[in-house]
Structures are given as C-alpha cells and as structure tokens.
Amino acid sequence: MRGPDALDSTGNPARRSIALDSLTQLTVGAAVGEAVLGPRVGRKAMVWGAFLGTLPDLDVLIPLDGPVEDFVYHRGFSHSLFLLALVSPVIAWVITRIHGDSRDRFREWWLLVFLVLEIGVLLDLLTVYGTQVLWPFDTTPRAWPALFIIDPLFTLPIVVGVGAVCLLSTKNSLGHRLNVAGLVVAVVYLGWALGVREFVDHNVRQRLDAQEVSYERLISTPAPFNTLLWRFVGMDGNRYFETYRSIFDGETPLVVDHYPRNLDLLVGLEQHPPVAKLRWFTRGWYAASRVGDDIVMTDLRMGSEPDYVFSFAVARAADSGPIPVRDVQRDPELNWRQLRWVWRRIWEPVPP
C-alpha cells in the first residue's frame, strides 16, 4: 500500500519502497482471508490471503529496460481491477485443487481471492504513487492520496488481529472476532483519513486564495506516518510551491515557498523516451535541475524540499544543447532528522 517521502525508501528506491509497503499488503490480505473463510477452513485462508495480498506487487520482479521503466510501469497491468477480477476464479480453482478437502467451497474461495486482490489494489489507489486500476481500457496512473505509504495507525490494528489468530487455537473464535475488529478499526481510520483530506484540502485552497497565491494545479499528500499533517504542492507555469498544513494550525497563515521547475533544461528532449515516460507517469508533477553535467528530472509528489525519492538523470548538458543519455536513477539523500520536524510541525507551525 501506501507516499515528504524521502523517508520511505533506501538504496534503490524504485524497488525498496515496495518492500516497506509489503507488511501492510500482506497483513490486510491475511486479515481479509481469515475474515472470509477462516472459521470454516482454518489458517490456510489467512495464509492464502497473505500471499494474494502481495501478489500484484510482484510485478517488480519483471525485468524492464531501465530504472525509469521500472518506476513508471510498476502498479500497471498487475493492478488492473478488471484483470484481477478475471483471474480470481482461476486462482480459486487452483486453491481448491491444492486443498482437496475444500473443493466444495469453490465459491467461497473465489470470494476470498476476489476481495483480497481488489481491496489491495484499491488501497494502493489511496497513495500518491499512481496505479493503473483501469488497465487496459485506460492506462492513466490514478491516485487519490489519503494515506502515507506506511501508516502505523492503519496497519497496527490489522497486525494485532492477525497476530491474535496466529496465537490462539483455530477452535477459539476469539481470534476471529479480534481479526474482524482490527479490520473494522482500520476501515474507520481510513474513513477518518479521507475526511481529513477533504477538510485540509478545502482549508488550504481558501487560504491560498486569501493570500493571493496563484496556481494552476494543486496536489496534497499526508506527511510521513500520520494523517494530521499534510504537504501541498502547487504548480504555476515554470515554478512550483510547497506548503504544509496541520489540522491544528487554526488561523495560522500558510508559509508558501516557491521553486523553479527549470523546464528550459528539457527543451529538445521531448521525444527522449525517459523524459516522455516521466512526464506521462508524474502527470506533470516534475521539475528539472542540473547536477554537474547531468540534467535530472524529479518527481515532485514523493519527497519534500530539497530531498525527493525519485530522480533520474536523463541527459547530459552541452553547449550545443542537451544530449540524451540512458536514464540513471539517483539515490535519494535521506534526512531522517526530518521525522522530528514532522512531529513538531503537527502541533506548531515551525519552519522546516
């Protein structure tokens, strides 16, 4: 599942950001599987749910032609609501053949597979990354950011419920009830996150208008590990701005910092595949910069100034104009001290 996000990755971010997120997907799948079929078939329902919860994200194992393709084609066909619905009965049939004693429960296994796969993809939709949920009819990466890629308050009750099932006897219904309770708490928290998103978004738009800050587009994402503080990025031609808003800010004015997009650095590179793919996948939320002789494109959605998770060298600067090169992903400069600032910023409007 789930998005200043220089904090959600180490080493090779295009790959490892998925590993951090896997605990949520695995436990949600296990919890849903146990809730649907656990009382009737035992812990195998939870095991299959855990496997199916991580199955769509295994697309990271498919070898592609470079880091930009790894980045933009993750959460593609394997996250299609249509495709997953089609393969659900096939997977259910395989499961009933593996577990011959539950062949008469094919429809229940089908329901389990369908719910685990679809719920996992819909949760991915609630992060800022971008998920092609309508593939192949529409390959637009869609996102409705409401959760950070790791949110303990969403995941913890599910982990507790799944842990209760693991610790208690399969004949003890208490584990099942605790698991269902954990799912209910997570759903309530998800409703809270969606509500806060709408509240903060409306508040920030009003304040931007009152402060006469111009923008063409605006996007918001939760700050790390919470839904109390939100980061906003606005696009205004060849520049963008960043601002933060906490639900506790009251009447405090927004602190809006503007930065150049440096789009002139990309002139002449419009048809260069890495550039074209990044423009498409980020849906325009990108900036360019020159780092040494490299021309770098940065995804502005995941990170915070000046540290971003996904940046790619796409060309080399030259007097005659930019020279296209094979894309290279740059390692993010992680600033773990930012977590302390995030905690303080939730409660008071301190500068970064």
Protein backbone atom coordinates (compact mmCIF):
# COMPACT_ATOMS: atom_id res chain seq x y z
CA MET A 1 0.00 0.00 0.00
CA ARG A 2 0.83 3.29 0.60
CA GLY A 3 3.71 8.37 -0.49
CA PRO A 4 7.97 14.16 2.44
CA ASP A 5 8.70 10.88 1.31
CA ALA A 6 12.37 10.79 1.16
CA LEU A 7 11.64 8.72 4.21
CA ASP A 8 10.02 5.75 2.53
CA SER A 9 12.98 4.29 0.74
CA THR A 10 16.64 3.33 0.95
CA GLY A 11 19.20 2.23 -1.58
CA ASN A 12 17.29 1.56 -4.77
CA PRO A 13 14.01 3.36 -4.06
CA ALA A 14 12.08 2.10 -7.06
CA ARG A 15 12.39 -1.39 -5.64
CA ARG A 16 12.65 -0.99 -1.88
CA SER A 17 9.71 1.37 -1.39
CA ILE A 18 7.61 -1.65 -2.30
CA ALA A 19 9.29 -3.81 0.35
CA LEU A 20 8.47 -1.32 3.10
CA ASP A 21 4.88 -1.31 1.98
CA SER A 22 4.59 -5.10 1.84
CA LEU A 23 3.76 -5.52 5.54
CA THR A 24 0.51 -3.63 5.05
CA GLN A 25 -0.44 -5.57 1.91
CA LEU A 26 0.44 -8.91 3.48
CA THR A 27 -1.46 -8.31 6.73
CA VAL A 28 -4.51 -6.83 5.01
CA GLY A 29 -4.65 -9.88 2.74
CA ALA A 30 -4.25 -12.24 5.68
CA ALA A 31 -6.94 -10.44 7.69
CA VAL A 32 -9.45 -10.38 4.84
CA GLY A 33 -8.77 -14.04 4.02
CA GLU A 34 -9.29 -15.10 7.61
CA ALA A 35 -12.44 -12.97 7.95
CA VAL A 36 -14.00 -14.50 4.82
CA LEU A 37 -13.15 -18.17 5.27
CA GLY A 38 -11.05 -18.69 8.39
CA PRO A 39 -13.76 -20.16 10.65
CA ARG A 40 -14.54 -22.82 8.02
CA VAL A 41 -11.15 -23.84 6.60
CA GLY A 42 -8.72 -22.74 9.32
CA ARG A 43 -5.47 -20.84 8.95
CA LYS A 44 -4.98 -21.77 5.32
CA ALA A 45 -7.42 -18.95 4.50
CA MET A 46 -5.12 -16.48 6.24
CA VAL A 47 -2.01 -17.88 4.54
CA TRP A 48 -3.55 -17.64 1.09
CA GLY A 49 -4.81 -14.17 1.88
CA ALA A 50 -1.30 -13.05 2.83
CA PHE A 51 0.14 -14.47 -0.40
CA LEU A 52 -2.56 -12.91 -2.56
CA GLY A 53 -2.14 -9.57 -0.79
CA THR A 54 1.44 -9.33 -2.04
CA LEU A 55 0.85 -10.97 -5.44
CA PRO A 56 0.14 -7.82 -7.52
CA ASP A 57 3.32 -6.12 -6.28
CA LEU A 58 5.45 -8.98 -7.58
CA ASP A 59 5.47 -7.11 -10.89
CA VAL A 60 8.70 -5.53 -9.57
CA LEU A 61 10.37 -8.84 -10.43
CA ILE A 62 9.64 -8.40 -14.14
CA PRO A 63 12.86 -7.22 -15.86
CA LEU A 64 12.35 -3.99 -17.80
CA ASP A 65 14.58 -1.73 -19.85
CA GLY A 66 15.95 0.63 -17.22
CA PRO A 67 15.10 2.44 -13.98
CA VAL A 68 12.54 4.80 -15.50
CA GLU A 69 10.56 1.88 -16.89
CA ASP A 70 10.85 0.08 -13.54
CA PHE A 71 9.39 3.20 -11.96
CA VAL A 72 6.56 4.05 -14.35
CA TYR A 73 5.32 0.53 -15.13
CA HIS A 74 5.06 -0.65 -11.53
CA ARG A 75 1.39 -0.91 -10.50
CA GLY A 76 0.42 -1.43 -14.11
CA PHE A 77 -1.40 -4.45 -15.53
CA SER A 78 -0.94 -6.44 -12.32
CA HIS A 79 -3.07 -3.83 -10.52
CA SER A 80 -5.93 -3.81 -13.00
CA LEU A 81 -9.30 -4.25 -11.29
CA PHE A 82 -10.59 -5.92 -14.47
CA LEU A 83 -7.70 -8.35 -14.89
CA LEU A 84 -7.72 -9.35 -11.22
CA ALA A 85 -11.46 -9.99 -11.38
CA LEU A 86 -10.91 -12.29 -14.38
CA VAL A 87 -8.11 -14.31 -12.77
CA SER A 88 -9.87 -14.65 -9.41
CA PRO A 89 -11.89 -17.79 -10.30
CA VAL A 90 -8.79 -19.36 -11.88
CA ILE A 91 -6.77 -18.83 -8.69
CA ALA A 92 -9.68 -20.11 -6.61
CA TRP A 93 -9.84 -23.27 -8.76
CA VAL A 94 -6.09 -23.84 -8.23
CA ILE A 95 -6.51 -23.43 -4.47
CA THR A 96 -9.33 -25.98 -4.33
CA ARG A 97 -7.17 -28.44 -6.24
CA ILE A 98 -4.31 -27.95 -3.79
CA HIS A 99 -6.68 -28.33 -0.83
CA GLY A 100 -8.87 -31.17 -1.99
CA ASP A 101 -10.85 -31.20 1.24
CA SER A 102 -12.36 -27.79 0.39
CA ARG A 103 -13.35 -28.36 -3.25
CA ASP A 104 -16.97 -27.89 -2.30
CA ARG A 105 -16.13 -24.36 -1.17
CA PHE A 106 -15.05 -23.09 -4.57
CA ARG A 107 -17.39 -20.06 -4.46
CA GLU A 108 -16.15 -19.07 -1.03
CA TRP A 109 -12.53 -19.33 -2.16
CA TRP A 110 -13.45 -17.28 -5.23
CA LEU A 111 -14.91 -14.58 -2.98
CA LEU A 112 -11.79 -14.61 -0.81
CA VAL A 113 -9.44 -14.28 -3.79
CA PHE A 114 -11.54 -11.54 -5.37
CA LEU A 115 -11.81 -9.45 -2.20
CA VAL A 116 -8.14 -9.72 -1.25
CA LEU A 117 -6.90 -8.75 -4.72
CA GLU A 118 -9.37 -5.92 -5.28
CA ILE A 119 -9.04 -4.43 -1.80
CA GLY A 120 -5.24 -4.42 -2.07
CA VAL A 121 -5.36 -2.51 -5.35
CA LEU A 122 -7.92 -0.02 -4.04
CA LEU A 123 -5.66 0.67 -1.06
CA ASP A 124 -2.79 1.36 -3.47
CA LEU A 125 -5.07 3.89 -5.14
CA LEU A 126 -5.10 5.85 -1.86
CA THR A 127 -1.37 6.63 -2.10
CA VAL A 128 0.22 9.24 -4.32
CA TYR A 129 2.35 6.88 -6.45
CA GLY A 130 -0.15 6.15 -9.24
CA THR A 131 -1.97 2.90 -10.06
CA GLN A 132 -3.38 1.77 -13.42
CA VAL A 133 -6.60 0.37 -11.95
CA LEU A 134 -8.49 0.61 -15.28
CA TRP A 135 -5.87 -1.15 -17.43
CA PRO A 136 -6.15 -1.98 -20.38
CA PHE A 137 -9.08 0.34 -21.11
CA ASP A 138 -7.32 3.35 -19.58
CA THR A 139 -3.63 3.25 -18.65
CA THR A 140 -3.65 6.57 -16.79
CA PRO A 141 -1.92 6.13 -13.40
CA ARG A 142 -4.58 7.21 -10.91
CA ALA A 143 -4.14 8.33 -7.31
CA TRP A 144 -6.35 9.71 -4.59
CA PRO A 145 -3.79 10.29 -1.82
CA ALA A 146 -5.22 9.73 1.66
CA LEU A 147 -2.56 7.53 3.29
CA PHE A 148 1.20 7.69 3.55
CA ILE A 149 2.91 4.59 2.16
CA ILE A 150 3.35 3.40 5.76
CA ASP A 151 0.73 4.44 8.30
CA PRO A 152 1.03 2.66 11.67
CA LEU A 153 -2.46 3.67 12.78
CA PHE A 154 -3.93 1.92 9.75
CA THR A 155 -1.73 -1.17 9.85
CA LEU A 156 -1.38 -1.79 13.60
CA PRO A 157 -4.96 -2.89 14.36
CA ILE A 158 -4.81 -5.32 11.44
CA VAL A 159 -1.49 -6.72 12.66
CA VAL A 160 -2.97 -7.20 16.14
CA GLY A 161 -5.98 -9.04 14.72
CA VAL A 162 -3.86 -11.32 12.55
CA GLY A 163 -1.48 -11.91 15.45
CA ALA A 164 -4.40 -12.97 17.64
CA VAL A 165 -5.42 -15.57 15.07
CA CYS A 166 -1.86 -16.89 14.93
CA LEU A 167 -1.56 -17.16 18.70
CA LEU A 168 -4.95 -18.62 19.55
CA SER A 169 -6.29 -22.05 18.69
CA THR A 170 -8.22 -22.31 15.44
CA LYS A 171 -11.13 -23.62 17.51
CA ASN A 172 -11.15 -20.43 19.59
CA SER A 173 -13.48 -17.88 18.00
CA LEU A 174 -11.85 -15.03 19.94
CA GLY A 175 -9.05 -14.80 17.38
CA HIS A 176 -11.57 -14.50 14.54
CA ARG A 177 -13.50 -11.79 16.39
CA LEU A 178 -10.33 -9.82 17.13
CA ASN A 179 -9.31 -10.07 13.49
CA VAL A 180 -12.65 -8.72 12.32
CA ALA A 181 -12.42 -5.97 14.95
CA GLY A 182 -8.98 -5.00 13.64
CA LEU A 183 -10.38 -4.66 10.13
CA VAL A 184 -13.26 -2.53 11.39
CA VAL A 185 -10.87 -0.19 13.24
CA ALA A 186 -8.72 0.13 10.08
CA VAL A 187 -11.78 0.94 7.97
CA VAL A 188 -12.87 3.60 10.48
CA TYR A 189 -9.38 5.10 10.38
CA LEU A 190 -9.48 5.07 6.59
CA GLY A 191 -12.75 6.99 6.72
CA TRP A 192 -11.07 9.49 9.06
CA ALA A 193 -8.15 9.91 6.60
CA LEU A 194 -10.49 10.57 3.68
CA GLY A 195 -12.45 13.09 5.72
CA VAL A 196 -9.32 14.90 6.90
CA ARG A 197 -8.06 15.01 3.32
CA GLU A 198 -11.18 16.83 2.16
CA PHE A 199 -11.16 19.19 5.17
CA VAL A 200 -7.50 20.19 4.83
CA ASP A 201 -7.71 20.48 1.05
CA HIS A 202 -10.67 22.87 1.30
CA ASN A 203 -8.92 24.88 4.02
CA VAL A 204 -5.68 25.26 2.06
CA ARG A 205 -7.45 26.30 -1.14
CA GLN A 206 -9.29 29.01 0.77
CA ARG A 207 -6.10 30.30 2.33
CA LEU A 208 -4.18 30.27 -0.94
CA ASP A 209 -6.91 32.43 -2.46
CA ALA A 210 -6.92 34.75 0.56
CA GLN A 211 -3.13 35.10 0.39
CA GLU A 212 -3.35 35.66 -3.39
CA VAL A 213 -1.08 32.72 -4.21
CA SER A 214 -1.62 31.78 -7.84
CA TYR A 215 -1.55 28.18 -9.02
CA GLU A 216 -2.79 26.09 -11.92
CA ARG A 217 -2.88 22.73 -10.13
CA LEU A 218 -2.66 21.58 -6.54
CA ILE A 219 -1.91 18.18 -5.00
CA SER A 220 -1.83 17.04 -1.38
CA THR A 221 -0.29 14.05 0.40
CA PRO A 222 -0.05 13.06 4.08
CA ALA A 223 3.24 13.68 5.84
CA PRO A 224 5.09 10.53 7.00
CA PHE A 225 3.28 8.10 9.26
CA ASN A 226 0.23 10.26 10.05
CA THR A 227 -2.87 11.99 8.71
CA LEU A 228 -2.63 15.10 10.91
CA LEU A 229 -0.08 16.98 8.78
CA TRP A 230 -0.36 17.34 5.00
CA ARG A 231 2.05 18.50 2.33
CA PHE A 232 0.75 20.53 -0.63
CA VAL A 233 2.46 21.18 -3.94
CA GLY A 234 1.12 23.77 -6.36
CA MET A 235 2.07 24.18 -10.00
CA ASP A 236 2.29 27.63 -11.57
CA GLY A 237 3.88 27.56 -15.01
CA ASN A 238 7.65 27.23 -14.76
CA ARG A 239 7.64 27.22 -10.97
CA TYR A 240 6.05 25.30 -8.14
CA PHE A 241 5.48 25.85 -4.46
CA GLU A 242 5.40 23.73 -1.32
CA THR A 243 3.42 24.31 1.86
CA TYR A 244 2.28 22.30 4.87
CA ARG A 245 -0.96 22.33 6.80
CA SER A 246 -1.80 20.66 10.11
CA ILE A 247 -5.33 20.16 11.34
CA PHE A 248 -4.21 22.09 14.46
CA ASP A 249 -2.98 25.20 12.58
CA GLY A 250 -6.13 27.20 13.28
CA GLU A 251 -5.87 30.69 11.77
CA THR A 252 -2.13 30.47 11.12
CA PRO A 253 -1.30 31.75 7.59
CA LEU A 254 0.31 29.38 5.11
CA VAL A 255 4.06 29.54 4.61
CA VAL A 256 4.46 29.13 0.87
CA ASP A 257 7.90 28.55 -0.64
CA HIS A 258 8.35 28.80 -4.42
CA TYR A 259 10.95 26.96 -6.50
CA PRO A 260 11.87 26.94 -10.23
CA ARG A 261 10.94 23.97 -12.42
CA ASN A 262 13.75 24.75 -14.93
CA LEU A 263 11.74 23.40 -17.86
CA ASP A 264 14.15 25.07 -20.27
CA LEU A 265 16.66 22.33 -19.43
CA LEU A 266 14.38 19.79 -21.12
CA VAL A 267 13.92 21.70 -24.40
CA GLY A 268 14.80 19.35 -27.25
CA LEU A 269 14.29 16.24 -25.10
CA GLU A 270 10.51 15.97 -25.56
CA GLN A 271 10.78 12.74 -27.57
CA HIS A 272 13.52 11.17 -25.44
CA PRO A 273 11.76 8.05 -24.01
CA PRO A 274 12.70 8.52 -20.32
CA VAL A 275 11.55 12.15 -20.43
CA ALA A 276 8.29 11.34 -22.19
CA LYS A 277 7.53 8.48 -19.80
CA LEU A 278 8.24 10.56 -16.69
CA ARG A 279 6.07 13.41 -17.96
CA TRP A 280 3.25 10.92 -18.52
CA PHE A 281 3.59 8.99 -15.28
CA THR A 282 4.01 12.00 -12.98
CA ARG A 283 1.05 13.68 -14.71
CA GLY A 284 3.14 16.84 -14.97
CA TRP A 285 4.32 16.91 -11.35
CA TYR A 286 8.01 17.13 -12.15
CA ALA A 287 10.90 19.59 -12.20
CA ALA A 288 14.30 19.61 -13.87
CA SER A 289 17.68 20.54 -12.49
CA ARG A 290 21.33 20.45 -13.45
CA VAL A 291 23.60 18.39 -11.22
CA GLY A 292 27.14 18.63 -12.50
CA ASP A 293 26.85 17.76 -16.19
CA ASP A 294 23.65 15.76 -15.66
CA ILE A 295 20.17 17.01 -16.43
CA VAL A 296 17.89 15.46 -13.83
CA MET A 297 14.11 15.01 -13.75
CA THR A 298 12.49 14.78 -10.31
CA ASP A 299 9.06 13.55 -9.29
CA LEU A 300 7.69 16.30 -7.02
CA ARG A 301 4.95 14.16 -5.49
CA MET A 302 7.10 11.94 -3.30
CA GLY A 303 9.56 13.80 -1.14
CA SER A 304 10.00 17.32 0.19
CA GLU A 305 12.38 20.16 -0.48
CA PRO A 306 15.19 19.57 -1.10
CA ASP A 307 15.06 15.76 -0.84
CA TYR A 308 12.98 13.66 -3.21
CA VAL A 309 12.67 9.92 -3.58
CA PHE A 310 12.60 9.57 -7.36
CA SER A 311 15.08 11.50 -9.50
CA PHE A 312 16.58 10.36 -12.81
CA ALA A 313 19.47 11.66 -14.90
CA VAL A 314 18.06 11.74 -18.44
CA ALA A 315 20.55 13.86 -20.40
CA ARG A 316 24.00 15.46 -20.35
CA ALA A 317 24.38 19.21 -20.64
CA ALA A 318 26.41 20.54 -23.57
CA ASP A 319 26.97 23.92 -25.27
CA SER A 320 25.03 22.73 -28.30
CA GLY A 321 22.08 21.62 -26.21
CA PRO A 322 21.16 18.66 -24.00
CA ILE A 323 22.41 15.26 -25.16
CA PRO A 324 20.03 12.34 -24.43
CA VAL A 325 21.59 9.54 -22.39
CA ARG A 326 20.42 6.26 -20.96
CA ASP A 327 18.45 7.00 -17.79
CA VAL A 328 20.12 6.53 -14.41
CA GLN A 329 18.30 6.67 -11.11
CA ARG A 330 19.90 8.90 -8.49
CA ASP A 331 20.00 7.72 -4.87
CA PRO A 332 17.93 9.95 -2.60
CA GLU A 333 19.66 11.94 0.13
CA LEU A 334 17.65 10.76 3.13
CA ASN A 335 17.22 13.13 6.05
CA TRP A 336 15.91 11.10 8.97
CA ARG A 337 16.01 14.17 11.21
CA GLN A 338 13.01 15.37 9.24
CA LEU A 339 10.89 12.99 11.30
CA ARG A 340 11.48 15.18 14.35
CA TRP A 341 10.38 18.21 12.37
CA VAL A 342 7.25 16.41 11.17
CA TRP A 343 6.28 15.62 14.77
CA ARG A 344 6.83 19.24 15.87
CA ARG A 345 5.08 20.63 12.79
CA ILE A 346 1.91 18.69 13.60
CA TRP A 347 1.48 20.70 16.80
CA GLU A 348 3.01 24.08 15.93
CA PRO A 349 3.89 25.99 12.71
CA VAL A 350 7.69 25.69 12.92
CA PRO A 351 9.78 26.22 9.77
CA PRO A 352 11.45 23.19 8.12
